N, C-alpha and C. Protein backbone atom coordinates (compact mmCIF):
# COMPACT_ATOMS: atom_id res chain seq x y z
N MET A 1 250.93 -55.59 22.15
CA MET A 1 250.19 -54.96 23.18
C MET A 1 248.97 -54.17 22.58
N GLU A 2 249.19 -53.50 21.45
CA GLU A 2 248.09 -52.90 20.82
C GLU A 2 247.08 -53.86 20.29
N SER A 3 247.48 -54.99 19.83
CA SER A 3 246.56 -56.00 19.31
C SER A 3 245.75 -56.60 20.52
N TYR A 4 246.45 -56.67 21.53
CA TYR A 4 245.67 -57.14 22.83
C TYR A 4 244.62 -56.16 23.24
N TYR A 5 245.00 -54.84 23.18
CA TYR A 5 243.92 -53.79 23.44
C TYR A 5 242.81 -53.87 22.54
N LEU A 6 243.13 -53.91 21.21
CA LEU A 6 242.08 -53.97 20.20
C LEU A 6 241.24 -55.19 20.37
N GLN A 7 241.89 -56.34 20.59
CA GLN A 7 241.11 -57.58 20.83
C GLN A 7 240.22 -57.50 21.99
N ARG A 8 240.72 -56.98 23.08
CA ARG A 8 239.94 -56.83 24.27
C ARG A 8 238.83 -55.81 24.11
N SER A 9 238.88 -54.67 23.57
CA SER A 9 237.98 -53.60 23.49
C SER A 9 237.06 -53.77 22.37
N ILE A 10 237.58 -54.09 21.14
CA ILE A 10 236.56 -54.14 19.97
C ILE A 10 236.67 -55.47 19.24
N GLY A 11 237.21 -56.45 19.81
CA GLY A 11 237.44 -57.83 19.23
C GLY A 11 236.15 -58.41 18.81
N ALA A 12 235.20 -58.63 19.78
CA ALA A 12 233.99 -59.34 19.56
C ALA A 12 233.07 -58.49 18.56
N CYS A 13 233.16 -57.21 18.75
CA CYS A 13 232.34 -56.25 17.93
C CYS A 13 232.85 -56.33 16.43
N LEU A 14 234.12 -56.24 16.33
CA LEU A 14 234.77 -56.33 15.00
C LEU A 14 234.53 -57.54 14.30
N VAL A 15 234.61 -58.64 14.92
CA VAL A 15 234.43 -59.98 14.38
C VAL A 15 232.94 -60.12 13.85
N GLN A 16 232.02 -59.69 14.67
CA GLN A 16 230.67 -59.76 14.26
C GLN A 16 230.30 -58.90 13.17
N GLY A 17 230.89 -57.66 13.24
CA GLY A 17 230.72 -56.58 12.07
C GLY A 17 231.19 -57.12 10.82
N LEU A 18 232.46 -57.68 10.81
CA LEU A 18 233.00 -58.16 9.59
C LEU A 18 232.22 -59.28 8.99
N ALA A 19 231.73 -60.16 9.94
CA ALA A 19 230.87 -61.30 9.44
C ALA A 19 229.57 -60.76 8.86
N GLU A 20 228.98 -59.81 9.36
CA GLU A 20 227.84 -59.23 8.85
C GLU A 20 228.11 -58.50 7.54
N LEU A 21 229.27 -57.87 7.49
CA LEU A 21 229.77 -57.26 6.19
C LEU A 21 229.98 -58.20 5.14
N GLY A 22 230.46 -59.34 5.38
CA GLY A 22 230.61 -60.50 4.36
C GLY A 22 229.29 -61.04 3.97
N LYS A 23 228.31 -61.02 4.84
CA LYS A 23 226.97 -61.49 4.26
C LYS A 23 226.29 -60.56 3.45
N ILE A 24 226.30 -59.33 3.78
CA ILE A 24 225.43 -58.31 3.05
C ILE A 24 226.24 -57.82 1.84
N ARG A 25 227.51 -57.52 1.94
CA ARG A 25 228.26 -56.94 0.89
C ARG A 25 227.76 -55.64 0.34
N PRO A 26 227.77 -54.58 1.14
CA PRO A 26 227.28 -53.33 0.72
C PRO A 26 228.20 -52.56 -0.21
N LEU A 27 227.74 -51.56 -0.82
CA LEU A 27 228.61 -50.82 -1.77
C LEU A 27 229.66 -49.97 -1.13
N ASP A 28 229.32 -49.47 0.11
CA ASP A 28 230.35 -48.81 0.78
C ASP A 28 230.62 -49.59 2.13
N PRO A 29 231.57 -50.45 2.21
CA PRO A 29 231.70 -51.32 3.34
C PRO A 29 232.26 -50.64 4.51
N ILE A 30 233.06 -49.46 4.38
CA ILE A 30 233.52 -48.84 5.49
C ILE A 30 232.44 -47.95 6.27
N GLU A 31 231.57 -47.40 5.48
CA GLU A 31 230.48 -46.62 6.15
C GLU A 31 229.54 -47.54 6.81
N TYR A 32 229.33 -48.76 6.04
CA TYR A 32 228.36 -49.73 6.67
C TYR A 32 228.94 -50.25 7.99
N LEU A 33 230.28 -50.54 8.05
CA LEU A 33 230.89 -51.08 9.25
C LEU A 33 230.89 -50.08 10.24
N SER A 34 231.11 -48.80 10.05
CA SER A 34 231.02 -47.80 11.00
C SER A 34 229.72 -47.49 11.63
N LEU A 35 228.58 -47.60 10.79
CA LEU A 35 227.21 -47.53 11.30
C LEU A 35 226.80 -48.82 12.01
N TRP A 36 227.35 -49.96 11.57
CA TRP A 36 227.04 -51.18 12.32
C TRP A 36 227.69 -51.13 13.72
N ILE A 37 228.96 -50.69 13.78
CA ILE A 37 229.61 -50.55 15.10
C ILE A 37 228.94 -49.61 16.13
N SER A 38 228.51 -48.47 15.46
CA SER A 38 227.73 -47.47 16.27
C SER A 38 226.47 -48.04 16.73
N LYS A 39 225.74 -48.80 15.91
CA LYS A 39 224.55 -49.40 16.27
C LYS A 39 224.85 -50.54 17.41
N TYR A 40 225.86 -51.20 17.18
CA TYR A 40 226.27 -52.29 18.13
C TYR A 40 226.46 -51.60 19.52
N LYS A 41 227.19 -50.49 19.57
CA LYS A 41 227.48 -49.77 20.79
C LYS A 41 226.10 -49.40 21.60
N LYS A 42 225.20 -48.86 20.69
CA LYS A 42 223.82 -48.48 21.23
C LYS A 42 223.20 -49.68 21.84
N ASN A 43 223.23 -50.85 21.06
CA ASN A 43 222.63 -52.06 21.51
C ASN A 43 223.27 -52.51 22.84
N VAL A 44 224.50 -52.53 22.95
CA VAL A 44 225.32 -52.94 24.08
C VAL A 44 225.03 -52.08 25.24
N THR A 45 224.94 -50.87 25.09
CA THR A 45 224.57 -49.84 26.16
C THR A 45 223.14 -50.15 26.65
N ALA A 46 222.29 -50.33 25.67
CA ALA A 46 220.89 -50.50 25.98
C ALA A 46 220.74 -51.87 26.77
N GLU A 47 221.55 -52.93 26.34
CA GLU A 47 221.46 -54.23 27.07
C GLU A 47 222.07 -54.10 28.48
N GLN A 48 223.07 -53.31 28.62
CA GLN A 48 223.61 -53.14 30.01
C GLN A 48 222.56 -52.34 30.86
N LEU A 49 221.98 -51.32 30.30
CA LEU A 49 221.01 -50.61 31.08
C LEU A 49 219.79 -51.45 31.37
N ARG A 50 219.37 -52.36 30.47
CA ARG A 50 218.28 -53.34 30.64
C ARG A 50 218.77 -54.26 31.86
N GLN A 51 219.96 -54.82 31.80
CA GLN A 51 220.41 -55.66 32.82
C GLN A 51 220.42 -54.93 34.17
N LYS A 52 220.95 -53.75 34.23
CA LYS A 52 220.83 -52.92 35.49
C LYS A 52 219.40 -52.71 35.98
N GLU A 53 218.47 -52.44 34.99
CA GLU A 53 217.12 -52.31 35.43
C GLU A 53 216.53 -53.62 35.98
N MET A 54 216.87 -54.68 35.37
CA MET A 54 216.42 -56.04 35.77
C MET A 54 216.97 -56.29 37.21
N ILE A 55 218.25 -56.09 37.44
CA ILE A 55 218.75 -56.24 38.79
C ILE A 55 218.05 -55.39 39.83
N GLU A 56 217.84 -54.09 39.43
CA GLU A 56 217.13 -53.12 40.32
C GLU A 56 215.73 -53.60 40.54
N LEU A 57 215.10 -54.09 39.52
CA LEU A 57 213.72 -54.56 39.55
C LEU A 57 213.57 -55.80 40.52
N ALA A 58 214.52 -56.80 40.42
CA ALA A 58 214.67 -57.90 41.33
C ALA A 58 214.85 -57.47 42.72
N ARG A 59 215.77 -56.51 42.95
CA ARG A 59 215.94 -55.93 44.33
C ARG A 59 214.57 -55.29 44.83
N GLU A 60 213.97 -54.56 43.98
CA GLU A 60 212.74 -53.81 44.45
C GLU A 60 211.61 -54.88 44.82
N ARG A 61 211.68 -56.02 43.98
CA ARG A 61 210.67 -57.12 44.28
C ARG A 61 211.01 -57.73 45.67
N GLU A 62 212.21 -58.01 45.85
CA GLU A 62 212.62 -58.56 47.08
C GLU A 62 212.23 -57.62 48.25
N ILE A 63 212.45 -56.35 48.10
CA ILE A 63 212.08 -55.39 49.18
C ILE A 63 210.61 -55.29 49.33
N ALA A 64 209.82 -55.29 48.12
CA ALA A 64 208.35 -55.28 48.25
C ALA A 64 207.85 -56.58 48.98
N LEU A 65 208.52 -57.70 48.68
CA LEU A 65 208.02 -58.95 49.41
C LEU A 65 208.37 -58.88 50.89
N MET A 66 209.55 -58.38 51.20
CA MET A 66 209.88 -58.21 52.60
C MET A 66 208.89 -57.27 53.26
N GLU A 67 208.57 -56.12 52.61
CA GLU A 67 207.66 -55.12 53.19
C GLU A 67 206.24 -55.79 53.32
N LYS A 68 205.87 -56.68 52.36
CA LYS A 68 204.58 -57.31 52.36
C LYS A 68 204.49 -58.25 53.53
N GLU A 69 205.58 -59.02 53.82
CA GLU A 69 205.74 -59.88 54.88
C GLU A 69 205.58 -59.17 56.27
N MET A 70 206.30 -58.04 56.26
CA MET A 70 206.39 -57.30 57.42
C MET A 70 205.00 -56.68 57.75
N MET A 71 204.33 -56.25 56.71
CA MET A 71 202.97 -55.69 56.95
C MET A 71 201.98 -56.88 57.29
N GLU A 72 202.13 -57.99 56.85
CA GLU A 72 201.31 -59.08 57.23
C GLU A 72 201.56 -59.48 58.75
N ARG A 73 202.85 -59.49 59.10
CA ARG A 73 203.21 -59.69 60.51
C ARG A 73 202.60 -58.67 61.48
N LEU A 74 202.78 -57.40 60.97
CA LEU A 74 202.13 -56.30 61.75
C LEU A 74 200.66 -56.35 61.90
N LYS A 75 200.01 -56.69 60.77
CA LYS A 75 198.63 -56.90 60.86
C LYS A 75 198.23 -57.99 61.79
N ALA A 76 198.98 -59.13 61.69
CA ALA A 76 198.74 -60.21 62.60
C ALA A 76 198.94 -59.87 64.06
N GLU A 77 200.00 -59.05 64.34
CA GLU A 77 200.26 -58.63 65.67
C GLU A 77 199.24 -57.67 66.09
N GLU A 78 198.76 -56.77 65.20
CA GLU A 78 197.82 -55.77 65.60
C GLU A 78 196.53 -56.57 65.90
N LEU A 79 196.14 -57.49 65.13
CA LEU A 79 194.88 -58.31 65.30
C LEU A 79 195.05 -59.14 66.70
N MET A 80 196.21 -59.63 66.89
CA MET A 80 196.31 -60.31 68.17
C MET A 80 196.24 -59.24 69.31
N PHE A 81 196.86 -58.16 69.19
CA PHE A 81 196.77 -57.14 70.29
C PHE A 81 195.37 -56.71 70.45
N GLN A 82 194.53 -56.55 69.41
CA GLN A 82 193.17 -56.12 69.53
C GLN A 82 192.39 -57.26 70.21
N GLN A 83 192.71 -58.54 69.89
CA GLN A 83 192.00 -59.61 70.60
C GLN A 83 192.31 -59.65 72.02
N GLN A 84 193.59 -59.35 72.42
CA GLN A 84 194.00 -59.29 73.76
C GLN A 84 193.24 -58.22 74.53
N GLN A 85 193.19 -56.98 73.79
CA GLN A 85 192.56 -55.93 74.41
C GLN A 85 191.03 -56.22 74.69
N LEU A 86 190.40 -56.82 73.63
CA LEU A 86 189.01 -57.16 73.77
C LEU A 86 188.80 -58.20 74.97
N ALA A 87 189.67 -59.20 74.96
CA ALA A 87 189.56 -60.17 76.10
C ALA A 87 189.78 -59.48 77.45
N PHE A 88 190.71 -58.60 77.48
CA PHE A 88 190.95 -57.84 78.75
C PHE A 88 189.73 -57.03 79.20
N GLN A 89 189.12 -56.29 78.18
CA GLN A 89 187.99 -55.48 78.39
C GLN A 89 186.80 -56.36 78.82
N LEU A 90 186.57 -57.53 78.22
CA LEU A 90 185.60 -58.45 78.59
C LEU A 90 185.83 -58.95 80.07
N GLN A 91 187.08 -59.21 80.33
CA GLN A 91 187.44 -59.61 81.69
C GLN A 91 187.09 -58.51 82.68
N LEU A 92 187.47 -57.24 82.37
CA LEU A 92 187.09 -56.22 83.32
C LEU A 92 185.64 -55.98 83.47
N GLU A 93 184.89 -56.08 82.31
CA GLU A 93 183.41 -55.99 82.48
C GLU A 93 182.75 -57.12 83.33
N MET A 94 183.35 -58.27 83.04
CA MET A 94 182.82 -59.37 83.88
C MET A 94 183.07 -59.14 85.45
N GLN A 95 184.35 -58.73 85.68
CA GLN A 95 184.65 -58.31 87.10
C GLN A 95 183.73 -57.29 87.64
N GLU A 96 183.45 -56.22 86.83
CA GLU A 96 182.65 -55.11 87.28
C GLU A 96 181.21 -55.72 87.44
N LYS A 97 180.69 -56.42 86.57
CA LYS A 97 179.36 -56.98 86.78
C LYS A 97 179.36 -57.95 88.02
N GLU A 98 180.38 -58.71 88.30
CA GLU A 98 180.39 -59.54 89.48
C GLU A 98 180.44 -58.59 90.68
N ARG A 99 181.24 -57.57 90.57
CA ARG A 99 181.29 -56.60 91.72
C ARG A 99 179.97 -56.04 92.10
N GLN A 100 179.29 -55.52 90.94
CA GLN A 100 177.97 -55.04 91.13
C GLN A 100 176.89 -55.99 91.60
N ARG A 101 177.12 -57.20 91.14
CA ARG A 101 176.20 -58.27 91.65
C ARG A 101 176.37 -58.52 93.16
N GLN A 102 177.65 -58.49 93.59
CA GLN A 102 178.03 -58.67 94.96
C GLN A 102 177.50 -57.55 95.72
N GLU A 103 177.52 -56.28 95.25
CA GLU A 103 177.08 -55.07 96.00
C GLU A 103 175.51 -55.19 96.14
N GLU A 104 174.87 -55.63 95.02
CA GLU A 104 173.46 -55.76 95.12
C GLU A 104 173.01 -56.84 96.11
N LEU A 105 173.80 -58.00 96.11
CA LEU A 105 173.49 -58.99 97.05
C LEU A 105 173.68 -58.57 98.48
N GLN A 106 174.70 -57.76 98.67
CA GLN A 106 175.06 -57.18 100.02
C GLN A 106 173.93 -56.26 100.38
N ARG A 107 173.58 -55.37 99.50
CA ARG A 107 172.40 -54.49 99.74
C ARG A 107 171.15 -55.11 100.18
N ALA A 108 170.85 -56.27 99.36
CA ALA A 108 169.68 -56.94 99.57
C ALA A 108 169.71 -57.62 100.92
N GLN A 109 170.93 -58.16 101.26
CA GLN A 109 170.98 -58.87 102.64
C GLN A 109 170.94 -57.79 103.77
N GLU A 110 171.43 -56.61 103.44
CA GLU A 110 171.22 -55.46 104.56
C GLU A 110 169.83 -55.18 104.61
N GLN A 111 169.08 -55.00 103.43
CA GLN A 111 167.71 -54.66 103.54
C GLN A 111 166.88 -55.74 104.23
N LEU A 112 167.21 -56.99 103.85
CA LEU A 112 166.53 -58.17 104.64
C LEU A 112 166.72 -58.08 106.06
N GLU A 113 168.03 -57.79 106.52
CA GLU A 113 168.39 -57.76 107.86
C GLU A 113 167.57 -56.63 108.61
N GLN A 114 167.49 -55.44 107.81
CA GLN A 114 166.84 -54.24 108.29
C GLN A 114 165.29 -54.60 108.53
N MET A 115 164.77 -55.33 107.45
CA MET A 115 163.32 -55.69 107.69
C MET A 115 163.21 -56.58 108.84
N ARG A 116 164.12 -57.60 108.95
CA ARG A 116 164.04 -58.46 110.17
C ARG A 116 164.07 -57.67 111.46
N MET A 117 164.99 -56.69 111.51
CA MET A 117 164.97 -55.97 112.74
C MET A 117 163.70 -55.11 112.94
N ASN A 118 163.15 -54.53 111.72
CA ASN A 118 161.96 -53.80 111.92
C ASN A 118 160.79 -54.64 112.41
N ILE A 119 160.75 -55.86 111.85
CA ILE A 119 159.63 -56.79 112.34
C ILE A 119 159.84 -57.06 113.74
N GLU A 120 161.11 -57.35 114.14
CA GLU A 120 161.42 -57.64 115.52
C GLU A 120 161.02 -56.46 116.45
N ASN A 121 161.34 -55.30 115.97
CA ASN A 121 160.98 -54.08 116.81
C ASN A 121 159.52 -53.92 116.79
N MET A 122 158.82 -54.21 115.73
CA MET A 122 157.32 -54.13 115.71
C MET A 122 156.76 -55.28 116.68
N ARG A 123 157.36 -56.31 116.75
CA ARG A 123 156.82 -57.31 117.69
C ARG A 123 156.99 -56.85 119.12
N THR A 124 158.13 -56.32 119.35
CA THR A 124 158.45 -55.80 120.77
C THR A 124 157.56 -54.60 121.07
N ASP A 125 157.38 -53.80 120.03
CA ASP A 125 156.49 -52.64 120.23
C ASP A 125 155.07 -53.05 120.55
N ASP A 126 154.56 -54.04 119.76
CA ASP A 126 153.28 -54.58 119.94
C ASP A 126 153.09 -55.30 121.33
N MET A 127 154.20 -56.00 121.68
CA MET A 127 154.18 -56.63 122.94
C MET A 127 154.11 -55.59 124.16
N SER A 128 154.93 -54.50 123.97
CA SER A 128 154.90 -53.49 124.99
C SER A 128 153.51 -52.71 124.97
N TYR A 129 152.93 -52.56 123.82
CA TYR A 129 151.64 -51.94 123.69
C TYR A 129 150.63 -52.76 124.37
N LEU A 130 150.73 -54.16 124.14
CA LEU A 130 149.82 -55.01 124.79
C LEU A 130 149.95 -54.92 126.31
N GLU A 131 151.14 -54.87 126.77
CA GLU A 131 151.36 -54.80 128.14
C GLU A 131 150.89 -53.57 128.72
N ASP A 132 151.00 -52.48 128.00
CA ASP A 132 150.53 -51.15 128.49
C ASP A 132 149.01 -51.15 128.66
N ILE A 133 148.35 -51.90 127.60
CA ILE A 133 146.91 -51.91 127.63
C ILE A 133 146.51 -52.79 128.88
N THR A 134 147.08 -53.79 128.99
CA THR A 134 146.62 -54.81 130.07
C THR A 134 146.93 -54.30 131.41
N THR A 135 148.05 -53.60 131.64
CA THR A 135 148.49 -53.09 132.94
C THR A 135 147.66 -51.94 133.42
N ASP A 136 147.22 -51.01 132.60
CA ASP A 136 146.53 -49.86 133.02
C ASP A 136 145.19 -49.78 132.35
N PRO A 137 144.12 -50.33 132.81
CA PRO A 137 142.94 -50.35 132.15
C PRO A 137 142.18 -48.95 132.24
N GLY A 138 142.65 -48.08 132.91
CA GLY A 138 141.94 -46.77 133.12
C GLY A 138 142.41 -45.80 132.02
N LYS A 139 143.34 -46.03 131.16
CA LYS A 139 143.84 -45.15 130.12
C LYS A 139 142.98 -45.31 128.88
N THR A 140 142.88 -44.20 128.06
CA THR A 140 142.28 -44.36 126.79
C THR A 140 143.17 -44.85 125.69
N LEU A 141 142.63 -45.21 124.57
CA LEU A 141 143.41 -45.68 123.54
C LEU A 141 144.41 -44.72 123.04
N ALA A 142 144.12 -43.39 123.02
CA ALA A 142 145.03 -42.36 122.60
C ALA A 142 146.08 -42.12 123.58
N GLU A 143 145.75 -42.41 124.82
CA GLU A 143 146.87 -42.21 125.86
C GLU A 143 147.88 -43.31 125.84
N ILE A 144 147.30 -44.54 125.46
CA ILE A 144 148.17 -45.69 125.45
C ILE A 144 149.03 -45.66 124.21
N SER A 145 148.45 -45.47 123.08
CA SER A 145 149.17 -45.48 121.70
C SER A 145 149.98 -44.27 121.50
N ASP A 146 151.20 -44.39 121.04
CA ASP A 146 151.98 -43.24 120.60
C ASP A 146 151.91 -43.14 119.10
N ARG A 147 151.02 -43.79 118.48
CA ARG A 147 150.94 -43.77 117.07
C ARG A 147 150.07 -42.62 116.55
N TYR A 148 150.45 -42.10 115.48
CA TYR A 148 149.83 -40.83 114.96
C TYR A 148 148.46 -41.37 114.43
N GLY A 149 147.44 -40.56 114.74
CA GLY A 149 146.12 -40.85 114.21
C GLY A 149 145.28 -41.76 115.03
N ALA A 150 145.75 -42.13 116.18
CA ALA A 150 144.95 -42.99 117.11
C ALA A 150 143.85 -42.24 117.61
N PRO A 151 142.62 -42.83 117.69
CA PRO A 151 141.39 -42.08 118.10
C PRO A 151 141.55 -41.76 119.64
N ASN A 152 140.99 -40.59 119.90
CA ASN A 152 140.97 -40.12 121.36
C ASN A 152 139.59 -40.30 121.83
N LEU A 153 139.25 -41.56 122.24
CA LEU A 153 137.94 -41.90 122.67
C LEU A 153 137.95 -41.98 124.17
N SER A 154 136.85 -41.53 124.82
CA SER A 154 136.71 -41.64 126.27
C SER A 154 136.42 -43.10 126.54
N ARG A 155 136.61 -43.47 127.74
CA ARG A 155 136.45 -44.87 128.07
C ARG A 155 134.89 -45.20 128.11
N VAL A 156 134.63 -46.31 127.57
CA VAL A 156 133.22 -46.78 127.55
C VAL A 156 133.17 -48.10 128.25
N GLU A 157 132.25 -48.16 129.17
CA GLU A 157 132.25 -49.42 129.86
C GLU A 157 131.14 -50.26 129.30
N GLU A 158 131.34 -51.47 129.18
CA GLU A 158 130.37 -52.36 128.72
C GLU A 158 129.83 -53.17 129.76
N LEU A 159 128.51 -53.29 129.80
CA LEU A 159 127.77 -54.05 130.84
C LEU A 159 127.36 -55.36 130.22
N ASP A 160 127.62 -56.39 131.03
CA ASP A 160 127.13 -57.71 130.55
C ASP A 160 125.75 -57.85 131.11
N GLU A 161 124.72 -57.66 130.28
CA GLU A 161 123.40 -57.80 130.66
C GLU A 161 122.79 -59.06 130.02
N PRO A 162 122.37 -59.83 130.78
CA PRO A 162 121.72 -61.09 130.12
C PRO A 162 120.37 -60.75 129.59
N ASN A 163 119.76 -59.63 129.90
CA ASN A 163 118.49 -59.23 129.28
C ASN A 163 118.63 -58.74 127.89
N LEU A 164 117.67 -59.02 127.07
CA LEU A 164 117.66 -58.51 125.69
C LEU A 164 117.32 -57.15 125.73
N SER A 165 117.60 -56.35 124.70
CA SER A 165 117.20 -55.02 124.57
C SER A 165 115.71 -54.98 124.11
N ASP A 166 115.11 -53.80 124.27
CA ASP A 166 113.74 -53.53 124.06
C ASP A 166 113.50 -53.79 122.55
N VAL A 167 114.40 -53.45 121.75
CA VAL A 167 114.16 -53.52 120.25
C VAL A 167 114.11 -55.04 119.96
N ALA A 168 115.10 -55.78 120.42
CA ALA A 168 115.08 -57.19 120.19
C ALA A 168 113.88 -57.85 120.68
N LEU A 169 113.19 -57.46 121.86
CA LEU A 169 112.07 -57.92 122.26
C LEU A 169 110.91 -57.69 121.32
N ASN A 170 110.94 -56.36 120.84
CA ASN A 170 109.80 -56.06 119.91
C ASN A 170 109.85 -56.84 118.73
N ILE A 171 110.97 -57.12 118.19
CA ILE A 171 111.19 -57.96 116.89
C ILE A 171 110.67 -59.31 117.13
N ASP A 172 110.94 -60.00 118.28
CA ASP A 172 110.60 -61.30 118.56
C ASP A 172 109.09 -61.28 118.71
N GLN A 173 108.45 -60.29 119.22
CA GLN A 173 106.95 -60.35 119.32
C GLN A 173 106.32 -60.19 118.04
N ASP A 174 106.85 -59.44 117.12
CA ASP A 174 106.17 -59.30 115.83
C ASP A 174 106.20 -60.61 115.02
N LEU A 175 107.09 -61.39 115.27
CA LEU A 175 107.14 -62.62 114.51
C LEU A 175 106.11 -63.59 114.97
């Protein structure tokens, strides 16, 4: 049982140490073997620590790769979201422009209709004005017109005279 324990715990170390001792043949083999075993223990501990660090490093690499992939996905999603927002804003702007264009078109149509009505009213006003003039020849222009600034002239009768005026006769004689 003790041999099994020794073989399991220091067997490989002792075999390697004795082989090294046989090669070198130091003056003090016991001290050399004790130093060699101590150095072997430090090397084994360092190797175990290095193996743990390598395993930890591999895990950290995997985590870093997963985080990198996650960040790339998030960036792609963010870019897609920004593109969707931009498309939505463009759509809203287009709708707003279309609405404004429709409002302007409606205003223009209303203005056109108002102008038509004004023209029609002016025609009817002119017609009534003409009717007023023709129906009552005794009124002056100011009395007939309700427009601001119409001249207030007294009625002047024109005579149809077939005779030429004196001035025209004098001009004809001079020639």
